[in-house]
N, C-alpha and C. Protein backbone atom coordinates (compact mmCIF):
# COMPACT_ATOMS: atom_id res chain seq x y z
N UNK A 1 0.83 -1.19 -0.01
CA UNK A 1 0.04 0.06 0.05
C UNK A 1 0.87 1.17 -0.06
N UNK A 2 0.61 2.22 -0.78
CA UNK A 2 1.49 3.36 -0.97
C UNK A 2 1.24 4.38 0.20
N UNK A 3 2.13 5.38 0.43
CA UNK A 3 1.86 6.36 1.47
C UNK A 3 0.59 7.12 1.20
N UNK A 4 0.42 7.51 -0.04
CA UNK A 4 -0.82 8.20 -0.40
C UNK A 4 -2.10 7.57 -0.01
N UNK A 5 -2.18 6.29 -0.33
CA UNK A 5 -3.40 5.60 0.13
C UNK A 5 -3.50 5.45 1.58
N UNK A 6 -2.35 5.20 2.24
CA UNK A 6 -2.33 5.19 3.75
C UNK A 6 -2.99 6.38 4.27
N UNK A 7 -2.48 7.68 3.83
CA UNK A 7 -2.94 8.93 4.38
C UNK A 7 -4.39 9.16 4.16
N UNK A 8 -4.88 8.73 3.00
CA UNK A 8 -6.28 8.91 2.64
C UNK A 8 -7.15 8.01 3.53
N UNK A 9 -6.71 6.78 3.81
CA UNK A 9 -7.42 5.81 4.58
C UNK A 9 -7.51 6.35 6.03
N UNK A 10 -6.34 6.79 6.52
CA UNK A 10 -6.27 7.26 8.01
C UNK A 10 -7.12 8.49 8.21
N UNK A 11 -7.06 9.42 7.14
CA UNK A 11 -7.90 10.57 7.44
C UNK A 11 -9.41 10.28 7.53
N UNK A 12 -9.82 9.26 6.55
CA UNK A 12 -11.19 8.85 6.56
C UNK A 12 -11.60 8.19 7.96
N UNK A 13 -10.71 7.36 8.46
CA UNK A 13 -10.86 6.63 9.63
C UNK A 13 -11.01 7.65 10.82
N UNK A 14 -10.06 8.61 10.93
CA UNK A 14 -10.12 9.64 12.05
C UNK A 14 -11.44 10.28 12.01
N UNK A 15 -11.88 10.67 10.81
CA UNK A 15 -13.08 11.41 10.86
C UNK A 15 -14.35 10.75 11.29
N UNK A 16 -14.28 9.45 11.21
CA UNK A 16 -15.51 8.57 11.56
C UNK A 16 -15.29 7.71 12.78
N UNK A 17 -14.25 7.98 13.54
CA UNK A 17 -13.82 7.10 14.69
C UNK A 17 -14.36 7.57 16.05
N UNK A 18 -15.02 6.65 16.77
CA UNK A 18 -15.41 6.90 18.12
C UNK A 18 -14.22 6.71 19.07
N UNK A 19 -13.44 5.77 18.83
CA UNK A 19 -12.35 5.37 19.71
C UNK A 19 -11.62 4.16 19.26
N UNK A 20 -10.49 3.91 19.93
CA UNK A 20 -9.68 2.60 19.68
C UNK A 20 -9.89 1.64 20.76
N UNK A 21 -10.25 0.44 20.35
CA UNK A 21 -10.61 -0.56 21.37
C UNK A 21 -9.40 -1.16 22.00
N UNK A 22 -9.45 -1.37 23.38
CA UNK A 22 -8.64 -2.26 24.10
C UNK A 22 -9.47 -3.33 24.65
N UNK A 23 -9.30 -4.56 24.37
CA UNK A 23 -10.07 -5.68 24.70
C UNK A 23 -9.15 -6.85 25.01
N UNK A 24 -9.14 -7.16 26.36
CA UNK A 24 -8.32 -8.33 26.68
C UNK A 24 -8.93 -9.64 26.31
N UNK A 25 -10.19 -9.78 26.39
CA UNK A 25 -10.85 -11.03 26.10
C UNK A 25 -12.00 -10.72 25.06
N UNK A 26 -11.84 -11.42 23.90
CA UNK A 26 -12.81 -11.22 22.83
C UNK A 26 -13.94 -12.30 23.01
N UNK A 27 -15.12 -11.96 23.16
CA UNK A 27 -16.31 -12.94 23.13
C UNK A 27 -17.46 -12.15 22.60
N UNK A 28 -18.48 -12.90 22.14
CA UNK A 28 -19.64 -12.36 21.46
C UNK A 28 -20.44 -11.47 22.35
N UNK A 29 -20.56 -11.74 23.67
CA UNK A 29 -21.35 -10.92 24.60
C UNK A 29 -20.67 -9.47 24.60
N UNK A 30 -19.28 -9.40 24.77
CA UNK A 30 -18.74 -8.14 24.78
C UNK A 30 -18.92 -7.37 23.47
N UNK A 31 -18.73 -8.10 22.31
CA UNK A 31 -18.85 -7.41 21.07
C UNK A 31 -20.29 -7.05 20.77
N UNK A 32 -21.27 -7.67 21.17
CA UNK A 32 -22.69 -7.26 21.01
C UNK A 32 -22.95 -6.00 21.86
N UNK A 33 -22.39 -5.98 23.02
CA UNK A 33 -22.54 -4.86 24.00
C UNK A 33 -22.02 -3.61 23.29
N UNK A 34 -20.80 -3.70 22.79
CA UNK A 34 -20.13 -2.60 22.20
C UNK A 34 -20.77 -2.18 20.90
N UNK A 35 -21.33 -3.10 20.16
CA UNK A 35 -22.12 -2.87 18.94
C UNK A 35 -23.32 -1.92 19.28
N UNK A 36 -24.03 -2.30 20.25
CA UNK A 36 -25.26 -1.47 20.58
C UNK A 36 -24.88 -0.05 21.19
N UNK A 37 -23.84 -0.01 21.93
CA UNK A 37 -23.44 1.19 22.57
C UNK A 37 -22.85 2.20 21.57
N UNK A 38 -22.19 1.75 20.54
CA UNK A 38 -21.45 2.58 19.61
C UNK A 38 -21.88 2.37 18.17
N UNK A 39 -23.20 2.21 17.93
CA UNK A 39 -23.65 1.76 16.64
C UNK A 39 -23.51 2.86 15.59
N UNK A 40 -23.34 4.08 16.00
CA UNK A 40 -23.37 5.29 15.06
C UNK A 40 -21.99 5.76 14.79
N UNK A 41 -20.97 5.31 15.27
CA UNK A 41 -19.58 5.64 14.99
C UNK A 41 -18.74 4.46 15.10
N UNK A 42 -17.59 4.45 14.32
CA UNK A 42 -16.77 3.32 14.21
C UNK A 42 -15.94 3.13 15.45
N UNK A 43 -15.56 1.89 15.76
CA UNK A 43 -14.59 1.56 16.86
C UNK A 43 -13.40 0.99 16.09
N UNK A 44 -12.18 1.49 16.38
CA UNK A 44 -11.00 1.08 15.77
C UNK A 44 -10.43 -0.30 16.35
N UNK A 45 -10.17 -1.22 15.51
CA UNK A 45 -9.52 -2.52 16.05
C UNK A 45 -8.02 -2.43 15.83
N UNK A 46 -7.20 -2.51 16.77
CA UNK A 46 -5.80 -2.60 16.61
C UNK A 46 -5.49 -3.80 15.70
N UNK A 47 -4.48 -3.75 14.93
CA UNK A 47 -4.18 -4.84 13.93
C UNK A 47 -3.94 -6.19 14.59
N UNK A 48 -3.40 -6.14 15.75
CA UNK A 48 -3.17 -7.62 16.40
C UNK A 48 -4.36 -8.14 17.12
N UNK A 49 -5.48 -7.41 17.09
CA UNK A 49 -6.63 -7.87 17.83
C UNK A 49 -7.56 -8.62 16.78
N UNK A 50 -7.84 -9.89 17.14
CA UNK A 50 -8.52 -10.73 16.14
C UNK A 50 -10.07 -10.63 16.23
N UNK A 51 -10.60 -9.57 15.58
CA UNK A 51 -12.00 -9.43 15.56
C UNK A 51 -12.34 -9.16 14.06
N UNK A 52 -13.50 -9.79 13.72
CA UNK A 52 -13.97 -9.68 12.33
C UNK A 52 -14.44 -8.18 12.03
N UNK A 53 -14.02 -7.69 10.98
CA UNK A 53 -14.43 -6.23 10.59
C UNK A 53 -15.80 -6.21 10.11
N UNK A 54 -16.69 -5.64 10.92
CA UNK A 54 -18.08 -5.36 10.56
C UNK A 54 -18.59 -4.29 11.45
N UNK A 55 -19.50 -3.57 11.05
CA UNK A 55 -20.06 -2.41 11.67
C UNK A 55 -20.40 -2.68 13.19
N UNK A 56 -19.90 -1.90 14.18
CA UNK A 56 -19.11 -0.69 13.92
C UNK A 56 -17.59 -0.82 14.05
N UNK A 57 -17.12 -2.05 13.93
CA UNK A 57 -15.62 -2.36 14.09
C UNK A 57 -14.90 -2.21 12.82
N UNK A 58 -13.84 -1.44 12.84
CA UNK A 58 -13.07 -1.23 11.61
C UNK A 58 -11.62 -1.35 11.91
N UNK A 59 -10.93 -2.11 11.06
CA UNK A 59 -9.49 -2.40 11.31
C UNK A 59 -8.66 -1.27 11.07
N UNK A 60 -7.76 -0.91 12.02
CA UNK A 60 -6.87 0.16 11.88
C UNK A 60 -5.59 -0.26 11.13
N UNK A 61 -4.83 0.74 10.63
CA UNK A 61 -3.59 0.45 10.03
C UNK A 61 -2.52 1.25 10.78
N UNK A 62 -1.29 0.70 10.84
CA UNK A 62 -0.22 1.55 11.44
C UNK A 62 0.12 2.67 10.59
N UNK A 63 0.24 3.92 11.13
CA UNK A 63 0.47 5.09 10.15
C UNK A 63 1.89 5.00 9.51
N UNK A 64 2.79 4.25 10.04
CA UNK A 64 4.11 4.20 9.38
C UNK A 64 4.82 2.81 9.79
N UNK A 65 5.72 2.43 9.13
CA UNK A 65 6.53 1.25 9.42
C UNK A 65 7.33 1.33 10.75
N UNK A 66 7.70 2.64 11.02
CA UNK A 66 8.50 2.90 12.15
C UNK A 66 7.58 2.74 13.42
N UNK A 67 6.37 3.29 13.36
CA UNK A 67 5.46 3.12 14.43
C UNK A 67 5.04 1.71 14.65
N UNK A 68 4.84 1.02 13.54
CA UNK A 68 4.47 -0.46 13.68
C UNK A 68 5.54 -1.11 14.33
N UNK A 69 6.86 -1.02 13.89
CA UNK A 69 7.88 -1.71 14.59
C UNK A 69 8.02 -1.42 16.08
N UNK A 70 7.90 -0.12 16.35
CA UNK A 70 8.01 0.41 17.70
C UNK A 70 6.92 -0.26 18.62
N UNK A 71 5.69 -0.24 18.13
CA UNK A 71 4.57 -0.85 18.94
C UNK A 71 4.74 -2.36 19.13
N UNK A 72 5.02 -3.00 18.08
CA UNK A 72 5.06 -4.47 18.13
C UNK A 72 6.22 -4.99 18.89
N UNK A 73 7.31 -4.14 19.04
CA UNK A 73 8.43 -4.52 19.84
C UNK A 73 8.23 -4.86 21.31
N UNK A 74 7.12 -4.22 21.82
CA UNK A 74 6.80 -4.48 23.24
C UNK A 74 5.84 -5.66 23.44
N UNK A 75 5.18 -6.13 22.44
CA UNK A 75 4.32 -7.32 22.59
C UNK A 75 3.25 -7.11 23.70
N UNK A 76 2.76 -5.81 23.65
CA UNK A 76 1.86 -5.36 24.79
C UNK A 76 0.64 -4.75 24.19
N UNK A 77 -0.49 -5.47 24.12
CA UNK A 77 -1.70 -4.90 23.52
C UNK A 77 -2.26 -3.49 24.06
N UNK A 78 -1.93 -3.28 25.35
CA UNK A 78 -2.23 -1.98 25.91
C UNK A 78 -1.51 -0.85 25.32
N UNK A 79 -0.21 -1.07 25.10
CA UNK A 79 0.56 -0.08 24.55
C UNK A 79 0.17 0.09 23.02
N UNK A 80 -0.17 -0.89 22.35
CA UNK A 80 -0.64 -0.82 21.09
C UNK A 80 -1.90 0.09 21.00
N UNK A 81 -2.91 -0.19 21.80
CA UNK A 81 -4.10 0.63 21.74
C UNK A 81 -3.87 2.12 22.08
N UNK A 82 -3.02 2.37 23.17
CA UNK A 82 -2.79 3.75 23.52
C UNK A 82 -2.05 4.49 22.43
N UNK A 83 -1.04 3.85 21.85
CA UNK A 83 -0.29 4.42 20.75
C UNK A 83 -1.20 4.78 19.50
N UNK A 84 -2.00 3.79 19.15
CA UNK A 84 -2.84 4.06 18.03
C UNK A 84 -4.00 5.15 18.34
N UNK A 85 -4.37 5.03 19.65
CA UNK A 85 -5.34 6.26 20.00
C UNK A 85 -4.70 7.57 19.81
N UNK A 86 -3.48 7.63 20.17
CA UNK A 86 -2.79 8.90 20.00
C UNK A 86 -2.59 9.23 18.41
N UNK A 87 -2.23 8.27 17.70
CA UNK A 87 -2.05 8.43 16.28
C UNK A 87 -3.34 8.91 15.57
N UNK A 88 -4.50 8.29 16.08
CA UNK A 88 -5.68 8.47 15.49
C UNK A 88 -6.55 9.61 16.16
N UNK A 89 -5.80 10.32 17.11
CA UNK A 89 -6.56 11.41 17.78
C UNK A 89 -7.85 11.03 18.33
N UNK A 90 -7.81 9.90 19.16
CA UNK A 90 -9.23 9.39 19.67
C UNK A 90 -8.97 8.80 20.90
N UNK A 91 -10.00 8.64 21.69
CA UNK A 91 -10.04 7.97 23.03
C UNK A 91 -9.75 6.47 22.86
N UNK A 92 -9.33 5.81 23.95
CA UNK A 92 -9.41 4.30 24.08
C UNK A 92 -10.70 3.97 24.63
N UNK A 93 -11.24 2.90 24.11
CA UNK A 93 -12.49 2.35 24.71
C UNK A 93 -12.26 0.98 25.26
N UNK A 94 -12.55 0.85 26.52
CA UNK A 94 -12.13 -0.51 27.22
C UNK A 94 -13.18 -0.78 28.24
N UNK A 95 -13.27 -2.00 28.66
CA UNK A 95 -14.16 -2.41 29.65
C UNK A 95 -13.37 -2.13 31.08
N UNK A 96 -14.15 -1.74 32.06
CA UNK A 96 -13.65 -1.42 33.32
C UNK A 96 -12.77 -2.52 33.88
N UNK A 97 -13.11 -3.87 33.75
CA UNK A 97 -12.40 -4.93 34.24
C UNK A 97 -11.09 -5.12 33.52
N UNK A 98 -10.87 -4.49 32.41
CA UNK A 98 -9.54 -4.62 31.79
C UNK A 98 -8.76 -3.35 32.00
N UNK A 99 -9.27 -2.43 32.79
CA UNK A 99 -8.58 -1.24 33.06
C UNK A 99 -7.13 -1.49 33.77
N UNK A 100 -6.98 -2.59 34.47
CA UNK A 100 -5.71 -2.75 35.23
C UNK A 100 -4.59 -2.89 34.23
N UNK A 101 -4.80 -3.30 32.91
CA UNK A 101 -3.75 -3.23 31.95
C UNK A 101 -3.34 -1.90 31.48
N UNK A 102 -4.37 -0.97 31.52
CA UNK A 102 -4.04 0.37 31.07
C UNK A 102 -3.52 1.35 32.23
N UNK A 103 -3.96 0.97 33.48
CA UNK A 103 -3.67 1.89 34.57
C UNK A 103 -2.20 2.25 34.72
N UNK A 104 -1.34 1.37 34.47
CA UNK A 104 0.05 1.76 34.64
C UNK A 104 0.42 2.97 33.81
N UNK A 105 -0.25 3.36 32.83
CA UNK A 105 0.02 4.55 32.06
C UNK A 105 -1.00 5.63 32.34
N UNK A 106 -1.81 5.54 33.30
CA UNK A 106 -2.78 6.56 33.78
C UNK A 106 -2.21 7.64 34.63
N UNK A 107 -2.43 8.93 34.36
CA UNK A 107 -1.88 10.00 35.14
C UNK A 107 -3.05 10.69 35.91
N UNK A 108 -4.31 10.42 35.54
CA UNK A 108 -5.44 10.99 36.25
C UNK A 108 -6.69 10.25 35.91
N UNK A 109 -7.63 10.25 36.81
CA UNK A 109 -9.00 9.56 36.60
C UNK A 109 -10.12 10.54 36.91
N UNK A 110 -11.26 10.28 36.29
CA UNK A 110 -12.45 10.87 36.55
C UNK A 110 -13.34 9.75 37.13
N UNK A 111 -13.81 9.87 38.44
CA UNK A 111 -14.58 8.86 39.08
C UNK A 111 -16.08 9.18 39.08
N UNK A 112 -16.91 8.23 38.96
CA UNK A 112 -18.28 8.38 39.13
C UNK A 112 -18.97 7.36 40.13
N UNK A 113 -20.03 7.68 40.65
CA UNK A 113 -20.64 6.87 41.73
C UNK A 113 -21.80 5.97 41.12
N UNK A 114 -22.52 6.48 40.14
CA UNK A 114 -23.66 5.83 39.56
C UNK A 114 -23.51 5.37 38.15
N UNK A 115 -24.23 4.44 37.75
CA UNK A 115 -24.15 4.04 36.26
C UNK A 115 -24.78 5.14 35.55
N UNK A 116 -24.14 5.50 34.29
CA UNK A 116 -24.67 6.61 33.49
C UNK A 116 -25.77 6.14 32.66
N UNK A 117 -26.69 6.99 32.39
CA UNK A 117 -27.74 6.78 31.42
C UNK A 117 -27.08 6.78 30.01
N UNK A 118 -27.78 6.24 29.05
CA UNK A 118 -27.17 6.25 27.64
C UNK A 118 -27.05 7.65 27.18
N UNK A 119 -27.85 8.52 27.59
CA UNK A 119 -27.70 10.03 27.06
C UNK A 119 -26.46 10.60 27.73
N UNK A 120 -26.22 10.34 29.05
CA UNK A 120 -25.05 10.89 29.73
C UNK A 120 -23.77 10.19 29.07
N UNK A 121 -23.78 8.87 28.84
CA UNK A 121 -22.74 8.19 28.20
C UNK A 121 -22.27 8.80 26.94
N UNK A 122 -23.29 9.02 26.04
CA UNK A 122 -23.03 9.67 24.73
C UNK A 122 -22.39 11.07 24.89
N UNK A 123 -22.99 11.89 25.76
CA UNK A 123 -22.42 13.18 26.06
C UNK A 123 -20.96 13.16 26.43
N UNK A 124 -20.68 12.29 27.46
CA UNK A 124 -19.26 12.26 27.91
C UNK A 124 -18.29 11.42 26.94
N UNK A 125 -18.90 10.66 26.02
CA UNK A 125 -17.98 10.09 24.94
C UNK A 125 -17.60 11.26 24.15
N UNK A 126 -18.45 12.15 23.79
CA UNK A 126 -18.01 13.41 22.96
C UNK A 126 -17.06 14.25 23.69
N UNK A 127 -17.37 14.38 25.10
CA UNK A 127 -16.38 15.20 25.78
C UNK A 127 -15.00 14.61 25.82
N UNK A 128 -14.94 13.28 25.94
CA UNK A 128 -13.66 12.50 26.05
C UNK A 128 -12.93 12.74 24.66
N UNK A 129 -13.74 12.63 23.59
CA UNK A 129 -13.17 12.83 22.27
C UNK A 129 -12.66 14.28 22.07
N UNK A 130 -13.36 15.28 22.57
CA UNK A 130 -12.92 16.67 22.47
C UNK A 130 -11.62 16.87 23.25
N UNK A 131 -11.56 16.21 24.43
CA UNK A 131 -10.41 16.37 25.21
C UNK A 131 -9.08 15.93 24.50
N UNK A 132 -9.22 14.73 23.88
CA UNK A 132 -8.03 14.33 23.07
C UNK A 132 -7.68 15.39 21.96
N UNK A 133 -8.67 15.73 21.22
CA UNK A 133 -8.43 16.80 20.15
C UNK A 133 -7.80 18.03 20.62
N UNK A 134 -8.37 18.59 21.80
CA UNK A 134 -7.89 19.85 22.26
C UNK A 134 -6.46 19.76 22.87
N UNK A 135 -6.08 18.62 23.43
CA UNK A 135 -4.74 18.50 24.05
C UNK A 135 -3.68 18.02 23.02
N UNK A 136 -4.13 17.55 21.86
CA UNK A 136 -3.21 16.81 21.00
C UNK A 136 -2.02 17.64 20.56
N UNK A 137 -2.24 18.74 19.99
CA UNK A 137 -1.14 19.51 19.38
C UNK A 137 -0.19 19.98 20.51
N UNK A 138 -0.68 20.40 21.61
CA UNK A 138 0.29 20.77 22.66
C UNK A 138 1.01 19.64 23.26
N UNK A 139 0.34 18.51 23.44
CA UNK A 139 0.99 17.41 24.18
C UNK A 139 2.02 16.71 23.34
N UNK A 140 1.73 16.53 22.04
CA UNK A 140 2.75 15.86 21.14
C UNK A 140 4.03 16.87 21.00
N UNK A 141 3.80 18.12 20.78
CA UNK A 141 4.88 18.95 20.54
C UNK A 141 5.72 19.28 21.82
N UNK A 142 5.02 19.47 22.90
CA UNK A 142 5.59 19.69 24.17
C UNK A 142 6.53 18.52 24.54
N UNK A 143 5.94 17.22 24.48
CA UNK A 143 6.70 16.04 24.76
C UNK A 143 7.94 15.89 23.93
N UNK A 144 7.70 16.14 22.63
CA UNK A 144 8.83 16.00 21.71
C UNK A 144 10.08 16.94 22.04
N UNK A 145 9.69 18.22 22.38
CA UNK A 145 10.76 19.16 22.71
C UNK A 145 11.49 18.75 23.99
N UNK A 146 10.62 18.29 24.96
CA UNK A 146 11.21 17.95 26.25
C UNK A 146 12.19 16.72 26.09
N UNK A 147 11.57 15.73 25.37
CA UNK A 147 12.39 14.53 25.25
C UNK A 147 13.70 14.81 24.46
N UNK A 148 13.68 15.61 23.56
CA UNK A 148 14.96 16.04 22.78
C UNK A 148 15.95 16.63 23.74
N UNK A 149 15.54 17.43 24.70
CA UNK A 149 16.39 18.02 25.70
C UNK A 149 16.74 17.19 26.88
N UNK A 150 15.95 16.04 27.06
CA UNK A 150 16.13 15.31 28.15
C UNK A 150 15.57 15.79 29.33
N UNK A 151 14.55 16.71 29.18
CA UNK A 151 13.87 17.39 30.36
C UNK A 151 12.60 16.65 30.75
N UNK A 152 12.88 15.44 31.28
CA UNK A 152 11.80 14.50 31.54
C UNK A 152 10.92 14.95 32.65
N UNK A 153 11.54 15.42 33.86
CA UNK A 153 10.74 15.80 34.96
C UNK A 153 9.87 16.97 34.66
N UNK A 154 10.28 17.99 33.93
CA UNK A 154 9.47 19.10 33.56
C UNK A 154 8.25 18.65 32.64
N UNK A 155 8.62 17.77 31.67
CA UNK A 155 7.60 17.12 30.83
C UNK A 155 6.41 16.49 31.56
N UNK A 156 6.75 15.61 32.53
CA UNK A 156 5.77 14.88 33.29
C UNK A 156 4.99 15.93 34.19
N UNK A 157 5.68 16.85 34.83
CA UNK A 157 4.97 17.80 35.67
C UNK A 157 3.99 18.58 34.90
N UNK A 158 4.38 19.20 33.82
CA UNK A 158 3.46 19.98 33.00
C UNK A 158 2.38 19.24 32.39
N UNK A 159 2.64 18.03 31.99
CA UNK A 159 1.49 17.35 31.45
C UNK A 159 0.51 16.89 32.53
N UNK A 160 1.00 16.64 33.74
CA UNK A 160 -0.01 16.32 34.84
C UNK A 160 -0.78 17.56 35.19
N UNK A 161 -0.18 18.76 35.07
CA UNK A 161 -0.87 20.04 35.45
C UNK A 161 -1.93 20.34 34.41
N UNK A 162 -1.62 20.05 33.16
CA UNK A 162 -2.60 20.31 32.00
C UNK A 162 -3.72 19.40 32.18
N UNK A 163 -3.49 18.11 32.50
CA UNK A 163 -4.62 17.15 32.72
C UNK A 163 -5.51 17.65 33.95
N UNK A 164 -4.93 18.01 34.98
CA UNK A 164 -5.67 18.42 36.13
C UNK A 164 -6.62 19.56 35.83
N UNK A 165 -6.27 20.34 34.99
CA UNK A 165 -7.12 21.43 34.37
C UNK A 165 -8.18 20.93 33.57
N UNK A 166 -7.88 19.88 32.69
CA UNK A 166 -8.80 19.43 31.69
C UNK A 166 -9.96 18.60 32.30
N UNK A 167 -9.61 17.90 33.45
CA UNK A 167 -10.66 17.12 34.00
C UNK A 167 -11.90 17.88 34.43
N UNK A 168 -11.83 19.24 34.57
CA UNK A 168 -12.89 20.00 35.00
C UNK A 168 -14.09 19.90 34.04
N UNK A 169 -13.82 19.48 32.74
CA UNK A 169 -14.88 19.44 31.84
C UNK A 169 -15.99 18.36 32.19
N UNK A 170 -15.55 17.43 33.10
CA UNK A 170 -16.47 16.34 33.53
C UNK A 170 -17.24 16.66 34.88
N UNK A 171 -17.36 17.99 35.06
CA UNK A 171 -18.02 18.47 36.32
C UNK A 171 -19.35 17.93 36.58
N UNK A 172 -20.00 17.53 35.53
CA UNK A 172 -21.47 17.07 35.73
C UNK A 172 -21.53 15.68 36.41
N UNK A 173 -20.47 14.91 36.23
CA UNK A 173 -20.48 13.49 36.76
C UNK A 173 -19.41 13.12 37.75
N UNK A 174 -18.43 14.03 37.82
CA UNK A 174 -17.20 13.70 38.62
C UNK A 174 -17.48 13.65 40.14
N UNK A 175 -17.01 12.56 40.77
CA UNK A 175 -17.10 12.46 42.25
C UNK A 175 -15.77 12.16 42.91
N UNK A 176 -15.69 12.38 44.20
CA UNK A 176 -14.45 12.22 44.95
C UNK A 176 -14.19 10.67 45.03
N UNK A 177 -15.29 9.93 45.21
CA UNK A 177 -15.16 8.43 45.40
C UNK A 177 -15.93 7.82 44.33
N UNK A 178 -15.74 6.61 43.98
CA UNK A 178 -16.47 5.81 43.05
C UNK A 178 -15.54 5.00 42.10
N UNK A 179 -15.98 4.66 40.93
CA UNK A 179 -15.26 3.79 40.08
C UNK A 179 -14.74 4.63 38.92
N UNK A 180 -13.62 4.30 38.37
CA UNK A 180 -13.00 5.15 37.24
C UNK A 180 -13.93 5.00 36.04
N UNK A 181 -14.20 6.12 35.37
CA UNK A 181 -14.97 6.10 34.17
C UNK A 181 -14.12 6.73 33.08
N UNK A 182 -13.43 7.73 33.34
CA UNK A 182 -12.43 8.28 32.37
C UNK A 182 -11.01 8.32 32.97
N UNK A 183 -10.14 7.85 32.24
CA UNK A 183 -8.70 7.86 32.63
C UNK A 183 -7.96 8.64 31.56
N UNK A 184 -6.96 9.35 31.95
CA UNK A 184 -6.03 10.02 31.08
C UNK A 184 -4.76 9.16 30.99
N UNK A 185 -4.40 8.82 29.79
CA UNK A 185 -3.27 7.86 29.59
C UNK A 185 -2.13 8.62 28.84
N UNK A 186 -0.88 8.23 29.29
CA UNK A 186 0.20 9.00 28.77
C UNK A 186 1.41 8.00 28.63
N UNK A 187 1.86 7.83 27.36
CA UNK A 187 3.12 7.01 27.12
C UNK A 187 4.36 7.77 27.00
N UNK A 188 4.39 9.07 27.24
CA UNK A 188 5.54 9.83 27.00
C UNK A 188 6.77 9.36 27.91
N UNK A 189 6.46 9.25 29.21
CA UNK A 189 7.52 8.83 30.13
C UNK A 189 8.02 7.36 29.78
N UNK A 190 7.06 6.58 29.47
CA UNK A 190 7.42 5.11 28.99
C UNK A 190 8.24 5.22 27.76
N UNK A 191 7.98 5.93 26.74
CA UNK A 191 8.73 6.10 25.56
C UNK A 191 10.15 6.73 25.93
N UNK A 192 10.27 7.66 26.79
CA UNK A 192 11.47 8.26 27.16
C UNK A 192 12.42 7.18 27.72
N UNK A 193 11.96 6.18 28.35
CA UNK A 193 12.80 5.18 28.95
C UNK A 193 13.09 3.95 27.89
N UNK A 194 12.48 3.98 26.76
CA UNK A 194 12.67 2.86 25.90
C UNK A 194 13.12 3.19 24.53
N UNK A 195 13.58 4.53 24.40
CA UNK A 195 13.83 4.91 22.97
C UNK A 195 15.09 5.72 22.90
N UNK A 196 15.86 5.53 21.87
CA UNK A 196 16.95 6.45 21.47
C UNK A 196 16.37 7.68 21.01
N UNK A 197 16.88 8.86 21.44
CA UNK A 197 16.35 10.16 21.07
C UNK A 197 16.43 10.44 19.64
N UNK A 198 17.45 9.89 18.95
CA UNK A 198 17.62 10.02 17.53
C UNK A 198 16.46 9.43 16.69
N UNK A 199 15.79 8.58 17.29
CA UNK A 199 14.63 7.81 16.58
C UNK A 199 13.24 8.43 17.05
N UNK A 200 13.33 9.53 17.74
CA UNK A 200 12.14 10.11 18.35
C UNK A 200 11.16 10.69 17.39
N UNK A 201 11.67 11.43 16.31
CA UNK A 201 10.77 12.26 15.45
C UNK A 201 9.68 11.34 14.67
N UNK A 202 10.07 10.17 14.19
CA UNK A 202 9.06 9.43 13.56
C UNK A 202 7.99 8.89 14.41
N UNK A 203 8.15 9.00 15.74
CA UNK A 203 7.22 8.42 16.76
C UNK A 203 6.38 9.66 17.34
N UNK A 204 6.51 10.80 16.94
CA UNK A 204 5.98 11.96 17.54
C UNK A 204 4.46 11.77 17.68
N UNK A 205 3.85 11.20 16.73
CA UNK A 205 2.35 11.04 16.78
C UNK A 205 1.80 10.15 17.91
N UNK A 206 2.70 9.43 18.49
CA UNK A 206 2.36 8.52 19.71
C UNK A 206 2.47 9.27 20.99
N UNK A 207 2.89 10.49 21.06
CA UNK A 207 3.14 11.21 22.21
C UNK A 207 2.07 12.00 22.76
N UNK A 208 0.87 11.88 22.31
CA UNK A 208 -0.25 12.59 22.86
C UNK A 208 -0.80 11.99 24.19
N UNK A 209 -1.38 12.79 24.98
CA UNK A 209 -2.21 12.31 26.17
C UNK A 209 -3.57 11.87 25.55
N UNK A 210 -4.01 10.72 25.79
CA UNK A 210 -5.41 10.29 25.43
C UNK A 210 -6.18 9.96 26.48
N UNK A 211 -7.53 10.08 26.36
CA UNK A 211 -8.45 9.59 27.33
C UNK A 211 -8.86 8.12 27.03
N UNK A 212 -9.25 7.51 28.19
CA UNK A 212 -9.77 6.12 27.99
C UNK A 212 -11.25 6.25 28.60
N UNK A 213 -12.24 5.66 27.92
CA UNK A 213 -13.64 5.54 28.44
C UNK A 213 -13.83 4.12 28.80
N UNK A 214 -14.15 3.94 30.12
CA UNK A 214 -14.26 2.72 30.72
C UNK A 214 -15.70 2.31 30.95
N UNK A 215 -16.10 1.26 30.22
CA UNK A 215 -17.59 0.84 30.14
C UNK A 215 -17.77 -0.36 31.00
N UNK A 216 -19.08 -0.61 31.38
CA UNK A 216 -19.33 -1.76 32.09
C UNK A 216 -20.59 -2.35 31.58
């Protein structure tokens, strides 16, 4: 597949994507649940996840060979989903019971006490989507510049500060106690520990902070 076709395909997917799936266990019950909840927008399937491509599930492609090799080198499906969510400027969609695999990369959570109505879920799915879009340009560029300079502590601190401000957008549902509903996931610190700086630029698209929507 040529680069031109890749870019055209990626642009179309981004425009129609609700989120990138992280799914530890694939079964019909889970897939049917997701199909009903997200019937009007596509859910991206990471290339290594064995799910048949049918509405609303759509197979994602790696944006570049470099990103593909980087993701696959860790043999970690959670890293794959988070990286692709960053590349596709989208949230991660996961079941709450699978959150333990994503939590090592979480820097903030929004907790709720009660189960959301479908209307509230749709509203906050949109909000989680906006959050990724709003933070994308700053988070990728700021991380890139900090990593080039080796300024890791400043990068981590400033990204946490930005997220603490961003979570205010969930004021309608956010509680002090309860179960995690939204998590902010960040691979930048992980990437800093596993990457030679000279190889950083081709991976810039993976450096965004992304939200994860945790459904039950």
